[in-house]
């Protein structure tokens, strides 16, 4: 199955749903390349970037579920890079 390289940008303005956000990211953990969180204390928000290599349907589903959480917004940027799963030598 082909996968896409993407970045999900998340802004958290209300921390009440952080645990649900982390649950959603945990479900996608096998596909996540890396994650960076930056607290912006001046505005009381958190900015999170998640690099992911996954099937496009999974990326869209995760981003959509995150974006529906109250106090959390998410936008996804897709790369033109399409990857294939690694072939393991037997």
PDB file of N, CA and C in Angstrom:
ATOM      1  N   UNK A   1       0.845  -1.173   0.000  1.00  0.00           N
ATOM      2  CA  UNK A   1       0.000   0.000   0.000  1.00  0.00           C
ATOM      3  C   UNK A   1       0.891   1.235   0.000  1.00  0.00           C
ATOM      4  N   UNK A   2       0.535   2.190  -0.829  1.00  0.00           N
ATOM      5  CA  UNK A   2       1.294   3.430  -0.886  1.00  0.00           C
ATOM      6  C   UNK A   2       0.987   4.300   0.322  1.00  0.00           C
ATOM      7  N   UNK A   3       1.981   5.040   0.733  1.00  0.00           N
ATOM      8  CA  UNK A   3       1.795   5.976   1.836  1.00  0.00           C
ATOM      9  C   UNK A   3       2.225   7.358   1.389  1.00  0.00           C
ATOM     10  N   UNK A   4       1.794   8.345   2.140  1.00  0.00           N
ATOM     11  CA  UNK A   4       2.140   9.736   1.844  1.00  0.00           C
ATOM     12  C   UNK A   4       2.912  10.314   3.011  1.00  0.00           C
ATOM     13  N   UNK A   5       3.777  11.227   2.696  1.00  0.00           N
ATOM     14  CA  UNK A   5       4.518  11.968   3.704  1.00  0.00           C
ATOM     15  C   UNK A   5       3.768  13.269   3.947  1.00  0.00           C
ATOM     16  N   UNK A   6       3.475  13.568   5.209  1.00  0.00           N
ATOM     17  CA  UNK A   6       2.691  14.759   5.527  1.00  0.00           C
ATOM     18  C   UNK A   6       3.089  15.320   6.887  1.00  0.00           C
ATOM     19  N   UNK A   7       2.646  16.542   7.130  1.00  0.00           N
ATOM     20  CA  UNK A   7       2.802  17.181   8.434  1.00  0.00           C
ATOM     21  C   UNK A   7       1.421  17.636   8.893  1.00  0.00           C
ATOM     22  N   UNK A   8       1.061  17.214  10.103  1.00  0.00           N
ATOM     23  CA  UNK A   8      -0.187  17.679  10.706  1.00  0.00           C
ATOM     24  C   UNK A   8       0.187  18.788  11.686  1.00  0.00           C
ATOM     25  N   UNK A   9      -0.336  19.980  11.444  1.00  0.00           N
ATOM     26  CA  UNK A   9      -0.079  21.129  12.314  1.00  0.00           C
ATOM     27  C   UNK A   9      -1.280  21.293  13.240  1.00  0.00           C
ATOM     28  N   UNK A  10      -0.994  21.338  14.533  1.00  0.00           N
ATOM     29  CA  UNK A  10      -2.058  21.367  15.540  1.00  0.00           C
ATOM     30  C   UNK A  10      -1.852  22.580  16.449  1.00  0.00           C
ATOM     31  N   UNK A  11      -2.936  23.303  16.711  1.00  0.00           N
ATOM     32  CA  UNK A  11      -2.888  24.405  17.677  1.00  0.00           C
ATOM     33  C   UNK A  11      -3.922  24.107  18.757  1.00  0.00           C
ATOM     34  N   UNK A  12      -3.448  24.082  19.999  1.00  0.00           N
ATOM     35  CA  UNK A  12      -4.300  23.778  21.141  1.00  0.00           C
ATOM     36  C   UNK A  12      -4.539  25.078  21.909  1.00  0.00           C
ATOM     37  N   UNK A  13      -5.803  25.508  21.927  1.00  0.00           N
ATOM     38  CA  UNK A  13      -6.147  26.734  22.652  1.00  0.00           C
ATOM     39  C   UNK A  13      -6.834  26.436  23.976  1.00  0.00           C
ATOM     40  N   UNK A  14      -7.273  25.183  24.146  1.00  0.00           N
ATOM     41  CA  UNK A  14      -7.940  24.762  25.379  1.00  0.00           C
ATOM     42  C   UNK A  14      -7.446  23.361  25.715  1.00  0.00           C
ATOM     43  N   UNK A  15      -6.754  23.217  26.827  1.00  0.00           N
ATOM     44  CA  UNK A  15      -6.120  21.958  27.191  1.00  0.00           C
ATOM     45  C   UNK A  15      -7.040  20.869  27.695  1.00  0.00           C
ATOM     46  N   UNK A  16      -8.353  21.101  27.724  1.00  0.00           N
ATOM     47  CA  UNK A  16      -9.280  20.100  28.247  1.00  0.00           C
ATOM     48  C   UNK A  16      -9.283  18.788  27.458  1.00  0.00           C
ATOM     49  N   UNK A  17      -8.909  18.843  26.188  1.00  0.00           N
ATOM     50  CA  UNK A  17      -8.942  17.642  25.349  1.00  0.00           C
ATOM     51  C   UNK A  17      -7.553  17.104  24.993  1.00  0.00           C
ATOM     52  N   UNK A  18      -6.544  17.497  25.740  1.00  0.00           N
ATOM     53  CA  UNK A  18      -5.181  17.027  25.480  1.00  0.00           C
ATOM     54  C   UNK A  18      -5.091  15.509  25.587  1.00  0.00           C
ATOM     55  N   UNK A  19      -5.767  14.909  26.561  1.00  0.00           N
ATOM     56  CA  UNK A  19      -5.670  13.455  26.714  1.00  0.00           C
ATOM     57  C   UNK A  19      -6.275  12.750  25.502  1.00  0.00           C
ATOM     58  N   UNK A  20      -7.371  13.258  24.969  1.00  0.00           N
ATOM     59  CA  UNK A  20      -7.976  12.650  23.768  1.00  0.00           C
ATOM     60  C   UNK A  20      -7.065  12.863  22.560  1.00  0.00           C
ATOM     61  N   UNK A  21      -6.431  14.025  22.459  1.00  0.00           N
ATOM     62  CA  UNK A  21      -5.468  14.285  21.389  1.00  0.00           C
ATOM     63  C   UNK A  21      -4.337  13.270  21.456  1.00  0.00           C
ATOM     64  N   UNK A  22      -3.794  13.058  22.634  1.00  0.00           N
ATOM     65  CA  UNK A  22      -2.704  12.099  22.787  1.00  0.00           C
ATOM     66  C   UNK A  22      -3.148  10.678  22.460  1.00  0.00           C
ATOM     67  N   UNK A  23      -4.395  10.327  22.779  1.00  0.00           N
ATOM     68  CA  UNK A  23      -4.917   9.002  22.415  1.00  0.00           C
ATOM     69  C   UNK A  23      -4.949   8.833  20.898  1.00  0.00           C
ATOM     70  N   UNK A  24      -5.405   9.849  20.199  1.00  0.00           N
ATOM     71  CA  UNK A  24      -5.469   9.782  18.738  1.00  0.00           C
ATOM     72  C   UNK A  24      -4.072   9.667  18.129  1.00  0.00           C
ATOM     73  N   UNK A  25      -3.128  10.421  18.676  1.00  0.00           N
ATOM     74  CA  UNK A  25      -1.758  10.332  18.169  1.00  0.00           C
ATOM     75  C   UNK A  25      -1.142   8.978  18.502  1.00  0.00           C
ATOM     76  N   UNK A  26      -1.480   8.429  19.654  1.00  0.00           N
ATOM     77  CA  UNK A  26      -0.970   7.111  20.033  1.00  0.00           C
ATOM     78  C   UNK A  26      -1.476   6.031  19.066  1.00  0.00           C
ATOM     79  N   UNK A  27      -2.722   6.145  18.638  1.00  0.00           N
ATOM     80  CA  UNK A  27      -3.282   5.187  17.681  1.00  0.00           C
ATOM     81  C   UNK A  27      -2.527   5.220  16.350  1.00  0.00           C
ATOM     82  N   UNK A  28      -1.990   6.365  15.993  1.00  0.00           N
ATOM     83  CA  UNK A  28      -1.244   6.516  14.736  1.00  0.00           C
ATOM     84  C   UNK A  28       0.256   6.360  14.935  1.00  0.00           C
ATOM     85  N   UNK A  29       0.684   5.998  16.139  1.00  0.00           N
ATOM     86  CA  UNK A  29       2.111   5.940  16.486  1.00  0.00           C
ATOM     87  C   UNK A  29       2.976   5.140  15.513  1.00  0.00           C
ATOM     88  N   UNK A  30       2.512   4.014  14.971  1.00  0.00           N
ATOM     89  CA  UNK A  30       3.379   3.272  14.054  1.00  0.00           C
ATOM     90  C   UNK A  30       3.753   4.060  12.795  1.00  0.00           C
ATOM     91  N   UNK A  31       2.980   5.083  12.468  1.00  0.00           N
ATOM     92  CA  UNK A  31       3.224   5.862  11.256  1.00  0.00           C
ATOM     93  C   UNK A  31       3.915   7.199  11.522  1.00  0.00           C
ATOM     94  N   UNK A  32       3.978   7.590  12.790  1.00  0.00           N
ATOM     95  CA  UNK A  32       4.536   8.903  13.121  1.00  0.00           C
ATOM     96  C   UNK A  32       6.059   8.861  13.082  1.00  0.00           C
ATOM     97  N   UNK A  33       6.630   9.778  12.316  1.00  0.00           N
ATOM     98  CA  UNK A  33       8.086   9.895  12.187  1.00  0.00           C
ATOM     99  C   UNK A  33       8.643  10.692  13.361  1.00  0.00           C
ATOM    100  N   UNK A  34       7.958  11.765  13.701  1.00  0.00           N
ATOM    101  CA  UNK A  34       8.412  12.611  14.797  1.00  0.00           C
ATOM    102  C   UNK A  34       7.345  13.625  15.164  1.00  0.00           C
ATOM    103  N   UNK A  35       7.520  14.179  16.346  1.00  0.00           N
ATOM    104  CA  UNK A  35       6.531  15.122  16.882  1.00  0.00           C
ATOM    105  C   UNK A  35       7.275  16.212  17.643  1.00  0.00           C
ATOM    106  N   UNK A  36       6.844  17.464  17.451  1.00  0.00           N
ATOM    107  CA  UNK A  36       7.456  18.576  18.173  1.00  0.00           C
ATOM    108  C   UNK A  36       6.348  19.443  18.750  1.00  0.00           C
ATOM    109  N   UNK A  37       6.427  19.706  20.033  1.00  0.00           N
ATOM    110  CA  UNK A  37       5.455  20.565  20.688  1.00  0.00           C
ATOM    111  C   UNK A  37       6.119  21.799  21.253  1.00  0.00           C
ATOM    112  N   UNK A  38       5.487  22.933  21.054  1.00  0.00           N
ATOM    113  CA  UNK A  38       6.032  24.204  21.540  1.00  0.00           C
ATOM    114  C   UNK A  38       4.946  24.926  22.337  1.00  0.00           C
ATOM    115  N   UNK A  39       5.160  25.127  23.633  1.00  0.00           N
ATOM    116  CA  UNK A  39       4.191  25.926  24.389  1.00  0.00           C
ATOM    117  C   UNK A  39       4.444  27.415  24.125  1.00  0.00           C
ATOM    118  N   UNK A  40       3.418  28.118  23.749  1.00  0.00           N
ATOM    119  CA  UNK A  40       3.527  29.556  23.534  1.00  0.00           C
ATOM    120  C   UNK A  40       2.837  30.229  24.709  1.00  0.00           C
ATOM    121  N   UNK A  41       3.601  30.409  25.777  1.00  0.00           N
ATOM    122  CA  UNK A  41       3.055  30.868  27.054  1.00  0.00           C
ATOM    123  C   UNK A  41       2.429  32.252  26.978  1.00  0.00           C
ATOM    124  N   UNK A  42       2.974  33.104  26.126  1.00  0.00           N
ATOM    125  CA  UNK A  42       2.447  34.467  25.986  1.00  0.00           C
ATOM    126  C   UNK A  42       0.955  34.448  25.637  1.00  0.00           C
ATOM    127  N   UNK A  43       0.557  33.493  24.794  1.00  0.00           N
ATOM    128  CA  UNK A  43      -0.850  33.393  24.393  1.00  0.00           C
ATOM    129  C   UNK A  43      -1.589  32.251  25.069  1.00  0.00           C
ATOM    130  N   UNK A  44      -0.858  31.434  25.827  1.00  0.00           N
ATOM    131  CA  UNK A  44      -1.484  30.316  26.519  1.00  0.00           C
ATOM    132  C   UNK A  44      -1.937  29.210  25.582  1.00  0.00           C
ATOM    133  N   UNK A  45      -1.208  29.012  24.488  1.00  0.00           N
ATOM    134  CA  UNK A  45      -1.548  27.956  23.534  1.00  0.00           C
ATOM    135  C   UNK A  45      -0.349  27.030  23.343  1.00  0.00           C
ATOM    136  N   UNK A  46      -0.600  25.898  22.738  1.00  0.00           N
ATOM    137  CA  UNK A  46       0.470  24.973  22.371  1.00  0.00           C
ATOM    138  C   UNK A  46       0.408  24.741  20.871  1.00  0.00           C
ATOM    139  N   UNK A  47       1.575  24.658  20.258  1.00  0.00           N
ATOM    140  CA  UNK A  47       1.696  24.425  18.823  1.00  0.00           C
ATOM    141  C   UNK A  47       2.413  23.097  18.657  1.00  0.00           C
ATOM    142  N   UNK A  48       1.796  22.181  17.917  1.00  0.00           N
ATOM    143  CA  UNK A  48       2.353  20.838  17.755  1.00  0.00           C
ATOM    144  C   UNK A  48       2.456  20.527  16.272  1.00  0.00           C
ATOM    145  N   UNK A  49       3.602  19.990  15.866  1.00  0.00           N
ATOM    146  CA  UNK A  49       3.795  19.512  14.497  1.00  0.00           C
ATOM    147  C   UNK A  49       4.054  18.019  14.556  1.00  0.00           C
ATOM    148  N   UNK A  50       3.354  17.269  13.710  1.00  0.00           N
ATOM    149  CA  UNK A  50       3.514  15.820  13.666  1.00  0.00           C
ATOM    150  C   UNK A  50       3.877  15.430  12.234  1.00  0.00           C
ATOM    151  N   UNK A  51       5.067  14.868  12.052  1.00  0.00           N
ATOM    152  CA  UNK A  51       5.480  14.342  10.748  1.00  0.00           C
ATOM    153  C   UNK A  51       5.023  12.896  10.677  1.00  0.00           C
ATOM    154  N   UNK A  52       4.368  12.533   9.572  1.00  0.00           N
ATOM    155  CA  UNK A  52       3.756  11.213   9.462  1.00  0.00           C
ATOM    156  C   UNK A  52       3.947  10.642   8.055  1.00  0.00           C
ATOM    157  N   UNK A  53       4.155   9.351   7.979  1.00  0.00           N
ATOM    158  CA  UNK A  53       4.259   8.623   6.712  1.00  0.00           C
ATOM    159  C   UNK A  53       3.239   7.493   6.800  1.00  0.00           C
ATOM    160  N   UNK A  54       2.079   7.676   6.166  1.00  0.00           N
ATOM    161  CA  UNK A  54       0.966   6.741   6.334  1.00  0.00           C
ATOM    162  C   UNK A  54       0.081   6.761   5.091  1.00  0.00           C
ATOM    163  N   UNK A  55      -0.833   5.802   4.984  1.00  0.00           N
ATOM    164  CA  UNK A  55      -1.812   5.883   3.903  1.00  0.00           C
ATOM    165  C   UNK A  55      -2.613   7.178   4.025  1.00  0.00           C
ATOM    166  N   UNK A  56      -2.938   7.771   2.880  1.00  0.00           N
ATOM    167  CA  UNK A  56      -3.619   9.063   2.896  1.00  0.00           C
ATOM    168  C   UNK A  56      -4.936   9.010   3.665  1.00  0.00           C
ATOM    169  N   UNK A  57      -5.661   7.911   3.567  1.00  0.00           N
ATOM    170  CA  UNK A  57      -6.928   7.787   4.301  1.00  0.00           C
ATOM    171  C   UNK A  57      -6.720   7.887   5.804  1.00  0.00           C
ATOM    172  N   UNK A  58      -5.657   7.253   6.301  1.00  0.00           N
ATOM    173  CA  UNK A  58      -5.371   7.286   7.739  1.00  0.00           C
ATOM    174  C   UNK A  58      -4.993   8.700   8.174  1.00  0.00           C
ATOM    175  N   UNK A  59      -4.165   9.367   7.382  1.00  0.00           N
ATOM    176  CA  UNK A  59      -3.764  10.740   7.716  1.00  0.00           C
ATOM    177  C   UNK A  59      -4.996  11.638   7.778  1.00  0.00           C
ATOM    178  N   UNK A  60      -5.857  11.535   6.775  1.00  0.00           N
ATOM    179  CA  UNK A  60      -7.067  12.359   6.744  1.00  0.00           C
ATOM    180  C   UNK A  60      -7.971  12.071   7.933  1.00  0.00           C
ATOM    181  N   UNK A  61      -8.104  10.793   8.272  1.00  0.00           N
ATOM    182  CA  UNK A  61      -8.969  10.416   9.395  1.00  0.00           C
ATOM    183  C   UNK A  61      -8.435  10.957  10.717  1.00  0.00           C
ATOM    184  N   UNK A  62      -7.141  10.801  10.946  1.00  0.00           N
ATOM    185  CA  UNK A  62      -6.539  11.283  12.197  1.00  0.00           C
ATOM    186  C   UNK A  62      -6.653  12.800  12.286  1.00  0.00           C
ATOM    187  N   UNK A  63      -6.300  13.483  11.213  1.00  0.00           N
ATOM    188  CA  UNK A  63      -6.369  14.947  11.203  1.00  0.00           C
ATOM    189  C   UNK A  63      -7.799  15.430  11.412  1.00  0.00           C
ATOM    190  N   UNK A  64      -8.763  14.763  10.780  1.00  0.00           N
ATOM    191  CA  UNK A  64     -10.168  15.136  10.939  1.00  0.00           C
ATOM    192  C   UNK A  64     -10.658  14.946  12.358  1.00  0.00           C
ATOM    193  N   UNK A  65     -10.287  13.825  12.976  1.00  0.00           N
ATOM    194  CA  UNK A  65     -10.702  13.573  14.365  1.00  0.00           C
ATOM    195  C   UNK A  65     -10.079  14.596  15.312  1.00  0.00           C
ATOM    196  N   UNK A  66      -8.814  14.931  15.072  1.00  0.00           N
ATOM    197  CA  UNK A  66      -8.143  15.927  15.916  1.00  0.00           C
ATOM    198  C   UNK A  66      -8.830  17.283  15.761  1.00  0.00           C
ATOM    199  N   UNK A  67      -9.122  17.662  14.533  1.00  0.00           N
ATOM    200  CA  UNK A  67      -9.730  18.961  14.257  1.00  0.00           C
ATOM    201  C   UNK A  67     -11.132  19.114  14.828  1.00  0.00           C
ATOM    202  N   UNK A  68     -11.801  18.010  15.113  1.00  0.00           N
ATOM    203  CA  UNK A  68     -13.147  18.068  15.688  1.00  0.00           C
ATOM    204  C   UNK A  68     -13.137  18.225  17.200  1.00  0.00           C
ATOM    205  N   UNK A  69     -11.975  18.072  17.817  1.00  0.00           N
ATOM    206  CA  UNK A  69     -11.893  18.231  19.271  1.00  0.00           C
ATOM    207  C   UNK A  69     -12.067  19.708  19.642  1.00  0.00           C
ATOM    208  N   UNK A  70     -12.926  20.013  20.607  1.00  0.00           N
ATOM    209  CA  UNK A  70     -13.098  21.407  21.025  1.00  0.00           C
ATOM    210  C   UNK A  70     -11.782  22.006  21.536  1.00  0.00           C
ATOM    211  N   UNK A  71     -11.488  23.215  21.108  1.00  0.00           N
ATOM    212  CA  UNK A  71     -10.287  23.905  21.557  1.00  0.00           C
ATOM    213  C   UNK A  71      -9.019  23.470  20.846  1.00  0.00           C
ATOM    214  N   UNK A  72      -9.162  22.654  19.787  1.00  0.00           N
ATOM    215  CA  UNK A  72      -7.998  22.157  19.045  1.00  0.00           C
ATOM    216  C   UNK A  72      -8.281  22.291  17.561  1.00  0.00           C
ATOM    217  N   UNK A  73      -7.336  22.864  16.816  1.00  0.00           N
ATOM    218  CA  UNK A  73      -7.487  22.934  15.363  1.00  0.00           C
ATOM    219  C   UNK A  73      -6.327  22.194  14.717  1.00  0.00           C
ATOM    220  N   UNK A  74      -6.582  21.627  13.543  1.00  0.00           N
ATOM    221  CA  UNK A  74      -5.557  20.856  12.845  1.00  0.00           C
ATOM    222  C   UNK A  74      -5.664  21.096  11.342  1.00  0.00           C
ATOM    223  N   UNK A  75      -4.522  21.209  10.719  1.00  0.00           N
ATOM    224  CA  UNK A  75      -4.431  21.325   9.266  1.00  0.00           C
ATOM    225  C   UNK A  75      -3.306  20.404   8.810  1.00  0.00           C
ATOM    226  N   UNK A  76      -3.491  19.806   7.653  1.00  0.00           N
ATOM    227  CA  UNK A  76      -2.500  18.859   7.139  1.00  0.00           C
ATOM    228  C   UNK A  76      -1.920  19.366   5.836  1.00  0.00           C
ATOM    229  N   UNK A  77      -0.614  19.252   5.723  1.00  0.00           N
ATOM    230  CA  UNK A  77       0.088  19.578   4.494  1.00  0.00           C
ATOM    231  C   UNK A  77       0.714  18.297   3.967  1.00  0.00           C
ATOM    232  N   UNK A  78       0.379  17.957   2.736  1.00  0.00           N
ATOM    233  CA  UNK A  78       0.895  16.734   2.121  1.00  0.00           C
ATOM    234  C   UNK A  78       2.074  17.047   1.224  1.00  0.00           C
ATOM    235  N   UNK A  79       3.051  16.162   1.254  1.00  0.00           N
ATOM    236  CA  UNK A  79       4.186  16.238   0.356  1.00  0.00           C
ATOM    237  C   UNK A  79       3.806  15.580  -0.971  1.00  0.00           C
ATOM    238  N   UNK A  80       4.544  15.867  -2.007  1.00  0.00           N
ATOM    239  CA  UNK A  80       4.362  15.175  -3.279  1.00  0.00           C
ATOM    240  C   UNK A  80       5.005  13.788  -3.255  1.00  0.00           C
ATOM    241  N   UNK A  81       5.704  13.484  -2.177  1.00  0.00           N
ATOM    242  CA  UNK A  81       6.402  12.207  -2.059  1.00  0.00           C
ATOM    243  C   UNK A  81       5.408  11.107  -1.703  1.00  0.00           C
ATOM    244  N   UNK A  82       5.365  10.097  -2.531  1.00  0.00           N
ATOM    245  CA  UNK A  82       4.564   8.907  -2.241  1.00  0.00           C
ATOM    246  C   UNK A  82       5.551   7.787  -1.974  1.00  0.00           C
ATOM    247  N   UNK A  83       5.367   7.113  -0.851  1.00  0.00           N
ATOM    248  CA  UNK A  83       6.307   6.059  -0.464  1.00  0.00           C
ATOM    249  C   UNK A  83       5.617   4.715  -0.504  1.00  0.00           C
ATOM    250  N   UNK A  84       6.420   3.682  -0.536  1.00  0.00           N
ATOM    251  CA  UNK A  84       5.908   2.313  -0.493  1.00  0.00           C
ATOM    252  C   UNK A  84       6.445   1.654   0.762  1.00  0.00           C
ATOM    253  N   UNK A  85       5.742   0.681   1.294  1.00  0.00           N
ATOM    254  CA  UNK A  85       6.239   0.016   2.498  1.00  0.00           C
ATOM    255  C   UNK A  85       7.572  -0.673   2.235  1.00  0.00           C
ATOM    256  N   UNK A  86       8.362  -0.778   3.284  1.00  0.00           N
ATOM    257  CA  UNK A  86       9.654  -1.422   3.167  1.00  0.00           C
ATOM    258  C   UNK A  86       9.484  -2.903   2.843  1.00  0.00           C
ATOM    259  N   UNK A  87      10.347  -3.396   1.981  1.00  0.00           N
ATOM    260  CA  UNK A  87      10.339  -4.809   1.642  1.00  0.00           C
ATOM    261  C   UNK A  87      11.410  -5.472   2.497  1.00  0.00           C
ATOM    262  N   UNK A  88      11.007  -6.465   3.277  1.00  0.00           N
ATOM    263  CA  UNK A  88      11.950  -7.134   4.168  1.00  0.00           C
ATOM    264  C   UNK A  88      12.575  -8.330   3.471  1.00  0.00           C
ATOM    265  N   UNK A  89      13.884  -8.459   3.631  1.00  0.00           N
ATOM    266  CA  UNK A  89      14.581  -9.621   3.074  1.00  0.00           C
ATOM    267  C   UNK A  89      14.233 -10.844   3.901  1.00  0.00           C
ATOM    268  N   UNK A  90      14.061 -11.957   3.210  1.00  0.00           N
ATOM    269  CA  UNK A  90      13.728 -13.191   3.934  1.00  0.00           C
ATOM    270  C   UNK A  90      14.915 -14.098   4.008  1.00  0.00           C
TER     271      UNK A  90
END
